[in-house]
Protein backbone atom coordinates (compact mmCIF):
# COMPACT_ATOMS: atom_id res chain seq x y z
CA UNK A 1 -20.79 -20.71 155.02
CA UNK A 2 -23.55 -18.15 154.68
CA UNK A 3 -23.77 -15.48 157.34
CA UNK A 4 -25.45 -12.09 157.62
CA UNK A 5 -23.10 -9.18 158.16
CA UNK A 6 -26.06 -6.81 158.35
CA UNK A 7 -29.69 -6.83 157.20
CA UNK A 8 -28.49 -6.05 153.66
CA UNK A 9 -25.01 -7.56 153.41
CA UNK A 10 -24.48 -11.32 153.45
CA UNK A 11 -21.26 -13.31 153.46
CA UNK A 12 -21.37 -16.24 151.02
CA UNK A 13 -17.73 -17.29 151.05
CA UNK A 14 -16.39 -20.82 151.32
CA UNK A 15 -13.66 -22.55 153.31
CA UNK A 16 -11.05 -24.81 151.73
CA UNK A 17 -9.70 -27.07 154.45
CA UNK A 18 -8.20 -29.58 152.00
CA UNK A 19 -5.75 -27.16 150.36
CA UNK A 20 -2.12 -27.99 151.14
CA UNK A 21 -0.32 -25.19 149.28
CA UNK A 22 -1.83 -21.79 148.55
CA UNK A 23 -0.63 -20.50 145.18
CA UNK A 24 1.22 -23.83 144.96
CA UNK A 25 3.91 -22.59 147.35
CA UNK A 26 2.62 -21.46 150.77
CA UNK A 27 1.82 -23.98 153.50
CA UNK A 28 -1.70 -23.47 154.83
CA UNK A 29 -2.13 -25.92 157.71
CA UNK A 30 -5.38 -24.15 158.68
CA UNK A 31 -6.71 -24.07 155.12
CA UNK A 32 -7.91 -20.98 153.26
CA UNK A 33 -11.12 -19.02 152.87
CA UNK A 34 -12.38 -17.58 149.60
CA UNK A 35 -14.61 -14.69 150.60
CA UNK A 36 -17.57 -13.37 148.66
CA UNK A 37 -20.46 -11.09 149.55
CA UNK A 38 -23.99 -10.15 148.43
CA UNK A 39 -25.70 -6.80 148.93
CA UNK A 40 -29.50 -6.98 148.75
CA UNK A 41 -31.10 -3.59 148.07
CA UNK A 42 -33.28 -2.20 145.28
CA UNK A 43 -30.53 -3.64 143.13
CA UNK A 44 -28.59 -6.79 144.02
CA UNK A 45 -24.82 -6.90 143.82
CA UNK A 46 -22.65 -9.99 144.15
CA UNK A 47 -19.10 -9.13 145.17
CA UNK A 48 -16.58 -11.60 143.71
CA UNK A 49 -16.95 -15.36 143.34
CA UNK A 50 -14.59 -18.11 144.57
CA UNK A 51 -12.05 -20.74 143.59
CA UNK A 52 -13.22 -23.53 141.29
CA UNK A 53 -12.23 -26.04 143.98
CA UNK A 54 -15.25 -24.88 145.97
CA UNK A 55 -17.50 -23.88 143.09
CA UNK A 56 -20.54 -26.00 143.92
CA UNK A 57 -20.56 -24.92 147.55
CA UNK A 58 -20.30 -21.26 146.52
CA UNK A 59 -23.17 -21.63 144.03
CA UNK A 60 -25.36 -23.08 146.78
CA UNK A 61 -24.48 -20.21 149.12
CA UNK A 62 -25.33 -17.70 146.41
CA UNK A 63 -28.70 -19.32 145.76
CA UNK A 64 -29.53 -19.32 149.48
CA UNK A 65 -28.62 -15.64 149.82
CA UNK A 66 -30.56 -14.57 146.74
CA UNK A 67 -33.76 -16.49 147.46
CA UNK A 68 -36.18 -15.53 144.68
CA UNK A 69 -34.12 -12.57 143.56
CA UNK A 70 -31.57 -12.35 140.76
CA UNK A 71 -28.33 -10.37 140.79
CA UNK A 72 -28.16 -7.11 138.89
CA UNK A 73 -24.39 -6.74 139.21
CA UNK A 74 -21.34 -8.94 139.67
CA UNK A 75 -18.54 -6.79 141.05
CA UNK A 76 -15.06 -8.14 140.37
CA UNK A 77 -12.46 -6.60 142.67
CA UNK A 78 -9.66 -8.97 141.65
CA UNK A 79 -9.20 -11.36 138.72
CA UNK A 80 -6.98 -13.94 140.39
CA UNK A 81 -8.59 -17.37 139.86
CA UNK A 82 -9.19 -18.05 143.54
CA UNK A 83 -11.73 -15.20 143.44
CA UNK A 84 -12.97 -15.21 139.85
CA UNK A 85 -13.39 -18.81 138.77
CA UNK A 86 -17.22 -18.64 138.65
CA UNK A 87 -17.57 -15.45 136.61
CA UNK A 88 -18.53 -17.25 133.39
CA UNK A 89 -21.04 -19.40 135.28
CA UNK A 90 -22.70 -16.30 136.79
CA UNK A 91 -22.97 -14.67 133.37
CA UNK A 92 -24.48 -17.83 131.88
CA UNK A 93 -26.87 -18.42 134.79
CA UNK A 94 -28.12 -14.84 135.11
CA UNK A 95 -28.40 -13.35 131.59
CA UNK A 96 -29.39 -9.89 132.87
CA UNK A 97 -26.39 -9.44 135.19
CA UNK A 98 -23.88 -6.66 134.50
CA UNK A 99 -20.23 -7.33 135.27
CA UNK A 100 -18.58 -4.39 137.06
CA UNK A 101 -14.78 -4.20 137.04
CA UNK A 102 -11.81 -2.08 136.10
CA UNK A 103 -10.91 -1.74 132.45
CA UNK A 104 -7.77 -3.79 133.12
CA UNK A 105 -9.86 -6.62 134.59
CA UNK A 106 -12.20 -6.61 131.61
CA UNK A 107 -9.21 -6.94 129.30
CA UNK A 108 -8.02 -9.95 131.31
CA UNK A 109 -11.31 -11.83 131.29
CA UNK A 110 -10.89 -13.56 127.88
CA UNK A 111 -7.51 -14.89 129.06
CA UNK A 112 -9.28 -16.90 131.75
CA UNK A 113 -12.56 -17.66 129.94
CA UNK A 114 -12.02 -18.45 126.29
CA UNK A 115 -14.98 -17.48 124.15
CA UNK A 116 -16.72 -15.48 126.88
CA UNK A 117 -19.31 -13.06 125.47
CA UNK A 118 -19.17 -9.67 127.20
CA UNK A 119 -20.78 -7.33 124.66
CA UNK A 120 -23.29 -5.08 126.40
CA UNK A 121 -22.80 -6.85 129.73
CA UNK A 122 -19.99 -4.90 131.37
CA UNK A 123 -19.47 -1.67 133.23
CA UNK A 124 -15.90 -0.41 133.47
CA UNK A 125 -15.39 1.74 136.56
CA UNK A 126 -12.59 4.10 137.43
CA UNK A 127 -11.34 6.02 140.46
CA UNK A 128 -14.22 7.57 142.43
CA UNK A 129 -17.04 6.06 140.41
CA UNK A 130 -20.08 4.88 142.36
CA UNK A 131 -22.56 2.09 141.83
CA UNK A 132 -26.01 2.94 143.19
CA UNK A 133 -27.94 0.02 144.63
CA UNK A 134 -30.70 1.89 146.49
CA UNK A 135 -29.95 2.91 150.07
CA UNK A 136 -26.51 1.38 149.54
CA UNK A 137 -23.87 2.45 147.08
CA UNK A 138 -20.34 1.32 146.30
CA UNK A 139 -17.57 3.82 145.69
CA UNK A 140 -14.56 2.41 143.89
CA UNK A 141 -10.90 3.08 144.59
CA UNK A 142 -8.30 1.82 142.17
CA UNK A 143 -5.60 -0.33 143.80
CA UNK A 144 -3.23 -1.34 140.98
CA UNK A 145 -0.53 -3.83 142.05
CA UNK A 146 -2.18 -4.62 145.36
CA UNK A 147 -1.18 -7.12 144.19
CA UNK A 148 -2.28 -7.43 140.52
CA UNK A 149 -2.64 -4.47 138.12
CA UNK A 150 -6.43 -4.72 137.74
CA UNK A 151 -7.32 -4.60 141.45
CA UNK A 152 -9.83 -2.20 142.97
CA UNK A 153 -11.50 -1.94 146.37
CA UNK A 154 -14.94 -0.58 147.19
CA UNK A 155 -16.45 1.36 150.09
CA UNK A 156 -20.09 1.24 151.14
CA UNK A 157 -20.78 4.47 153.03
CA UNK A 158 -24.14 3.76 154.67
CA UNK A 159 -22.74 0.84 156.66
CA UNK A 160 -19.10 2.02 156.57
CA UNK A 161 -17.82 -1.20 155.00
CA UNK A 162 -14.58 -1.52 153.06
CA UNK A 163 -14.43 -4.43 150.63
CA UNK A 164 -10.65 -4.62 150.51
CA UNK A 165 -9.83 -7.31 147.91
CA UNK A 166 -6.60 -9.08 148.94
CA UNK A 167 -5.57 -6.27 151.28
CA UNK A 168 -6.02 -7.21 154.96
CA UNK A 169 -6.19 -10.87 153.96
CA UNK A 170 -4.91 -13.73 156.06
CA UNK A 171 -4.06 -17.39 155.68
CA UNK A 172 -6.53 -19.76 157.32
CA UNK A 173 -10.08 -20.99 156.77
CA UNK A 174 -12.79 -19.30 158.82
CA UNK A 175 -13.53 -22.61 160.51
CA UNK A 176 -10.14 -22.06 162.17
CA UNK A 177 -9.91 -18.28 162.40
CA UNK A 178 -13.51 -17.48 163.26
CA UNK A 179 -15.77 -15.21 161.21
CA UNK A 180 -14.88 -11.96 162.97
CA UNK A 181 -11.56 -10.88 164.45
CA UNK A 182 -11.68 -10.11 168.15
CA UNK A 183 -8.96 -8.29 170.05
CA UNK A 184 -7.84 -11.61 171.54
CA UNK A 185 -7.21 -13.24 168.17
CA UNK A 186 -3.65 -13.55 166.90
CA UNK A 187 -4.60 -12.13 163.52
CA UNK A 188 -1.23 -10.53 162.87
CA UNK A 189 0.90 -13.67 162.63
CA UNK A 190 -0.74 -15.24 159.58
CA UNK A 191 -1.73 -11.83 158.18
CA UNK A 192 1.94 -10.80 158.28
CA UNK A 193 3.08 -14.02 156.57
CA UNK A 194 0.36 -13.46 153.96
CA UNK A 195 1.21 -9.79 153.42
CA UNK A 196 4.97 -10.07 152.95
CA UNK A 197 4.83 -13.16 150.77
CA UNK A 198 1.85 -12.14 148.63
CA UNK A 199 1.82 -8.33 148.58
CA UNK A 200 5.17 -7.36 150.12
CA UNK A 201 6.91 -6.14 146.97
CA UNK A 202 4.25 -3.49 146.42
CA UNK A 203 4.60 -1.33 149.50
CA UNK A 204 4.47 1.91 147.50
CA UNK A 205 1.15 0.87 145.97
CA UNK A 206 -0.28 -0.15 149.35
CA UNK A 207 0.77 3.22 150.75
CA UNK A 208 -1.05 4.95 147.89
CA UNK A 209 -4.22 3.00 148.65
CA UNK A 210 -4.02 3.76 152.38
CA UNK A 211 -3.78 7.48 151.57
CA UNK A 212 -6.90 7.26 149.38
CA UNK A 213 -8.81 5.58 152.21
CA UNK A 214 -7.58 7.92 154.94
CA UNK A 215 -10.73 10.01 154.88
CA UNK A 216 -13.17 7.10 154.91
CA UNK A 217 -15.05 6.25 158.10
CA UNK A 218 -14.51 2.47 158.20
CA UNK A 219 -16.37 0.23 160.64
CA UNK A 220 -15.81 -3.13 158.91
CA UNK A 221 -13.08 -4.44 156.62
CA UNK A 222 -14.20 -7.34 154.45
CA UNK A 223 -11.22 -8.95 152.69
CA UNK A 224 -11.17 -11.71 150.11
CA UNK A 225 -9.27 -14.04 152.45
CA UNK A 226 -9.57 -14.54 156.18
CA UNK A 227 -11.86 -13.13 158.85
CA UNK A 228 -13.74 -9.85 158.74
CA UNK A 229 -12.15 -7.07 160.81
CA UNK A 230 -14.63 -5.29 163.05
CA UNK A 231 -12.68 -4.29 166.16
CA UNK A 232 -9.53 -2.31 166.86
CA UNK A 233 -9.25 -1.23 163.23
CA UNK A 234 -6.62 1.34 164.12
CA UNK A 235 -4.35 -1.55 165.08
CA UNK A 236 -4.85 -3.36 161.79
CA UNK A 237 -4.50 -0.20 159.70
CA UNK A 238 -1.40 0.69 161.71
CA UNK A 239 0.21 -2.67 160.93
CA UNK A 240 -0.45 -2.15 157.23
CA UNK A 241 1.09 1.30 157.49
CA UNK A 242 4.22 -0.20 159.06
CA UNK A 243 4.44 -3.14 156.70
CA UNK A 244 3.90 -1.17 153.52
CA UNK A 245 6.44 1.50 154.49
CA UNK A 246 8.99 -1.24 155.35
CA UNK A 247 9.13 0.02 158.90
CA UNK A 248 10.28 -2.03 161.87
CA UNK A 249 7.37 -3.76 163.60
CA UNK A 250 9.26 -5.48 166.44
CA UNK A 251 12.57 -4.68 168.10
CA UNK A 252 14.93 -7.61 167.85
CA UNK A 253 17.23 -9.58 165.56
CA UNK A 254 16.37 -12.41 163.19
CA UNK A 255 19.11 -15.03 162.83
CA UNK A 256 18.71 -17.31 159.79
CA UNK A 257 21.13 -20.15 159.11
CA UNK A 258 21.69 -22.62 156.28
CA UNK A 259 23.97 -25.41 157.46
CA UNK A 260 25.07 -28.58 155.67
CA UNK A 261 26.60 -30.65 158.48
CA UNK A 262 25.70 -28.59 161.55
CA UNK A 263 28.78 -26.41 161.96
CA UNK A 264 27.15 -23.26 160.62
CA UNK A 265 24.02 -23.87 162.67
CA UNK A 266 26.12 -24.15 165.84
CA UNK A 267 27.77 -20.79 165.11
CA UNK A 268 24.39 -19.14 164.51
CA UNK A 269 22.94 -20.56 167.73
CA UNK A 270 26.00 -19.37 169.65
CA UNK A 271 25.59 -15.87 168.26
CA UNK A 272 21.93 -15.95 169.29
CA UNK A 273 22.97 -16.88 172.84
CA UNK A 274 25.49 -14.02 172.93
CA UNK A 275 22.87 -11.55 171.67
CA UNK A 276 20.46 -12.64 174.41
CA UNK A 277 23.17 -12.36 177.06
CA UNK A 278 23.90 -8.83 175.86
CA UNK A 279 20.27 -7.82 176.32
CA UNK A 280 18.77 -8.07 172.84
CA UNK A 281 14.98 -7.75 173.43
CA UNK A 282 14.12 -10.58 171.02
CA UNK A 283 16.21 -13.07 169.08
CA UNK A 284 14.34 -15.21 166.56
CA UNK A 285 16.31 -18.11 165.04
CA UNK A 286 15.35 -20.09 161.94
CA UNK A 287 16.85 -23.01 160.05
CA UNK A 288 16.03 -22.08 156.49
CA UNK A 289 16.86 -25.58 155.26
CA UNK A 290 13.89 -26.96 157.22
CA UNK A 291 11.63 -24.20 158.50
CA UNK A 292 8.76 -22.71 156.49
CA UNK A 293 10.51 -20.32 154.14
CA UNK A 294 7.46 -18.02 154.07
CA UNK A 295 7.72 -17.61 157.84
CA UNK A 296 11.42 -16.80 157.41
CA UNK A 297 10.52 -14.06 154.92
CA UNK A 298 7.94 -12.80 157.41
CA UNK A 299 10.51 -12.53 160.23
CA UNK A 300 13.09 -10.88 157.98
CA UNK A 301 10.62 -8.04 157.43
CA UNK A 302 9.26 -8.01 160.97
CA UNK A 303 12.59 -7.12 162.61
CA UNK A 304 14.92 -4.30 161.70
CA UNK A 305 18.06 -6.41 161.94
CA UNK A 306 19.06 -9.79 160.57
CA UNK A 307 22.10 -12.07 160.71
CA UNK A 308 22.61 -14.61 157.93
CA UNK A 309 24.84 -17.63 158.55
CA UNK A 310 25.57 -19.89 155.60
CA UNK A 311 27.93 -22.59 154.44
CA UNK A 312 29.95 -22.16 151.28
CA UNK A 313 28.90 -24.43 148.44
CA UNK A 314 30.25 -24.94 144.92
CA UNK A 315 32.31 -21.74 145.22
CA UNK A 316 29.14 -19.89 146.12
CA UNK A 317 26.61 -20.03 148.94
CA UNK A 318 24.59 -23.04 150.13
CA UNK A 319 21.50 -23.16 147.91
CA UNK A 320 18.81 -22.73 150.63
CA UNK A 321 20.41 -19.40 151.59
CA UNK A 322 20.63 -18.39 147.94
CA UNK A 323 16.94 -19.20 147.53
CA UNK A 324 16.06 -17.24 150.67
CA UNK A 325 17.95 -14.15 149.54
CA UNK A 326 16.33 -14.41 146.11
CA UNK A 327 12.91 -14.41 147.77
CA UNK A 328 13.80 -11.38 149.88
CA UNK A 329 14.95 -9.48 146.82
CA UNK A 330 11.79 -10.45 144.92
CA UNK A 331 9.63 -9.20 147.80
CA UNK A 332 11.37 -5.83 148.03
CA UNK A 333 13.47 -6.36 151.18
CA UNK A 334 14.92 -3.00 152.21
CA UNK A 335 15.82 -0.56 154.99
CA UNK A 336 17.44 -3.22 157.15
CA UNK A 337 20.75 -3.88 158.95
CA UNK A 338 22.38 -7.23 158.17
CA UNK A 339 25.32 -9.15 159.64
CA UNK A 340 27.00 -12.18 158.06
CA UNK A 341 28.59 -15.43 159.15
CA UNK A 342 30.19 -17.68 156.56
CA UNK A 343 31.59 -21.18 156.85
CA UNK A 344 34.09 -22.80 154.52
CA UNK A 345 36.38 -25.76 155.03
CA UNK A 346 38.93 -24.74 152.40
CA UNK A 347 37.76 -21.70 150.38
CA UNK A 348 35.02 -19.68 152.13
CA UNK A 349 32.79 -18.03 149.51
CA UNK A 350 29.39 -17.67 151.16
CA UNK A 351 30.08 -14.19 152.53
CA UNK A 352 31.04 -12.82 149.13
CA UNK A 353 27.87 -14.15 147.47
CA UNK A 354 25.58 -13.00 150.29
CA UNK A 355 27.12 -9.51 150.07
CA UNK A 356 26.56 -9.44 146.32
CA UNK A 357 22.92 -10.45 146.65
CA UNK A 358 22.24 -8.01 149.46
CA UNK A 359 23.94 -5.30 147.42
CA UNK A 360 21.12 -5.55 144.88
CA UNK A 361 18.59 -4.61 147.57
CA UNK A 362 17.65 -1.12 148.69
CA UNK A 363 19.08 0.62 151.77
CA UNK A 364 20.76 -2.41 153.30
CA UNK A 365 23.46 -1.66 155.88
CA UNK A 366 26.05 -4.44 156.11
CA UNK A 367 27.67 -4.80 159.52
CA UNK A 368 31.33 -5.61 160.06
CA UNK A 369 32.98 -7.87 160.89
CA UNK A 370 31.91 -10.65 158.58
CA UNK A 371 32.67 -13.71 160.68
CA UNK A 372 34.42 -16.60 158.94
CA UNK A 373 34.60 -20.02 160.55
CA UNK A 374 36.41 -23.08 159.26
CA UNK A 375 34.26 -26.22 159.37
CA UNK A 376 33.41 -25.96 163.07
CA UNK A 377 33.16 -23.19 165.65
CA UNK A 378 36.41 -22.93 167.63
CA UNK A 379 37.39 -21.02 170.76
CA UNK A 380 39.30 -18.46 168.72
CA UNK A 381 36.07 -17.66 166.82
CA UNK A 382 34.18 -16.52 169.91
CA UNK A 383 35.70 -12.99 170.06
CA UNK A 384 34.59 -12.49 166.42
CA UNK A 385 31.03 -13.48 167.31
CA UNK A 386 31.18 -11.13 170.31
CA UNK A 387 32.30 -8.30 168.01
CA UNK A 388 29.51 -9.04 165.54
CA UNK A 389 26.95 -9.10 168.34
CA UNK A 390 28.18 -5.75 169.66
CA UNK A 391 28.00 -4.24 166.17
CA UNK A 392 24.46 -5.56 165.64
CA UNK A 393 23.30 -4.13 168.95
CA UNK A 394 24.70 -0.63 168.40
């Protein structure tokens, strides 16, 4: 896809509708976009490349955008291969181009392109540096660990455009999402799943970047994945403020269960019914043995409260729940209230292991009672579920 953003800025990104797993782990039923941009002024700047999977299409888009001109600069905001795979090709094809990146990115380049010759062809930029293109200029803001250490973003003041690297990205090819986000689009759902699974651990670093950008007058946000944001930017910036500070986005309770033979799932569903009857504004239930685990991570962060229900297994906890808790810990899960249901036919152990894993996370409040069921939910278990529901709703 090639599309003008303005008279000077052109989108030359590509859609990947054949990709099944992004980063070899995240389901992308609507594909993925690899975004790239060109600024045509007295000087010509290409902003990032694309994934090798779509290399030929990206090269054609670049040629169409350039016409008879040649790029003066290749700006690399992020070195991850889905954005940088064509760097060596650009350097070979355009001998006069200068590669603009952070010092950390320049150190990484030989790791991805063995034998690449960079002498006299690079410009290392740091916080606040500007790249003058004519009537346009790019000011650089360092964004380490959003979500790699070499990341930077850039701001073009004359058109008030933020080139945000992976920040404000979203799963989904533009053929599905559209090129621009309108107020009617459900941008947040796949943006939230993307944020917490890709960037979520680095909330402190995202907060630091948001503070740097607070004084910028932004009219467009151009990320490296997903549609361009051009409306209701306060809403999108507000979501990033909430997400990166680990705040509660939606009032409600997330109930996640890992059941072997259905007994644990029945207890979790019964608790969900009790919570709804008691007036909980939203109860979201997930079977983490079958549902998209990335969506489960998303909901764990979205709500301020969570109940985990798991079977005991090999004197520990059923492995899908163990895997889920490991993911939450890896992504920086914190500042949440959690209740527990365990199931064990002869020696319940799931509650102990879940407590231990949650204990390694920051600012987690564990709610009593921990409900223990034996194989199946029985009438005498219902008062315990009622008590847990009351405690969760306090």
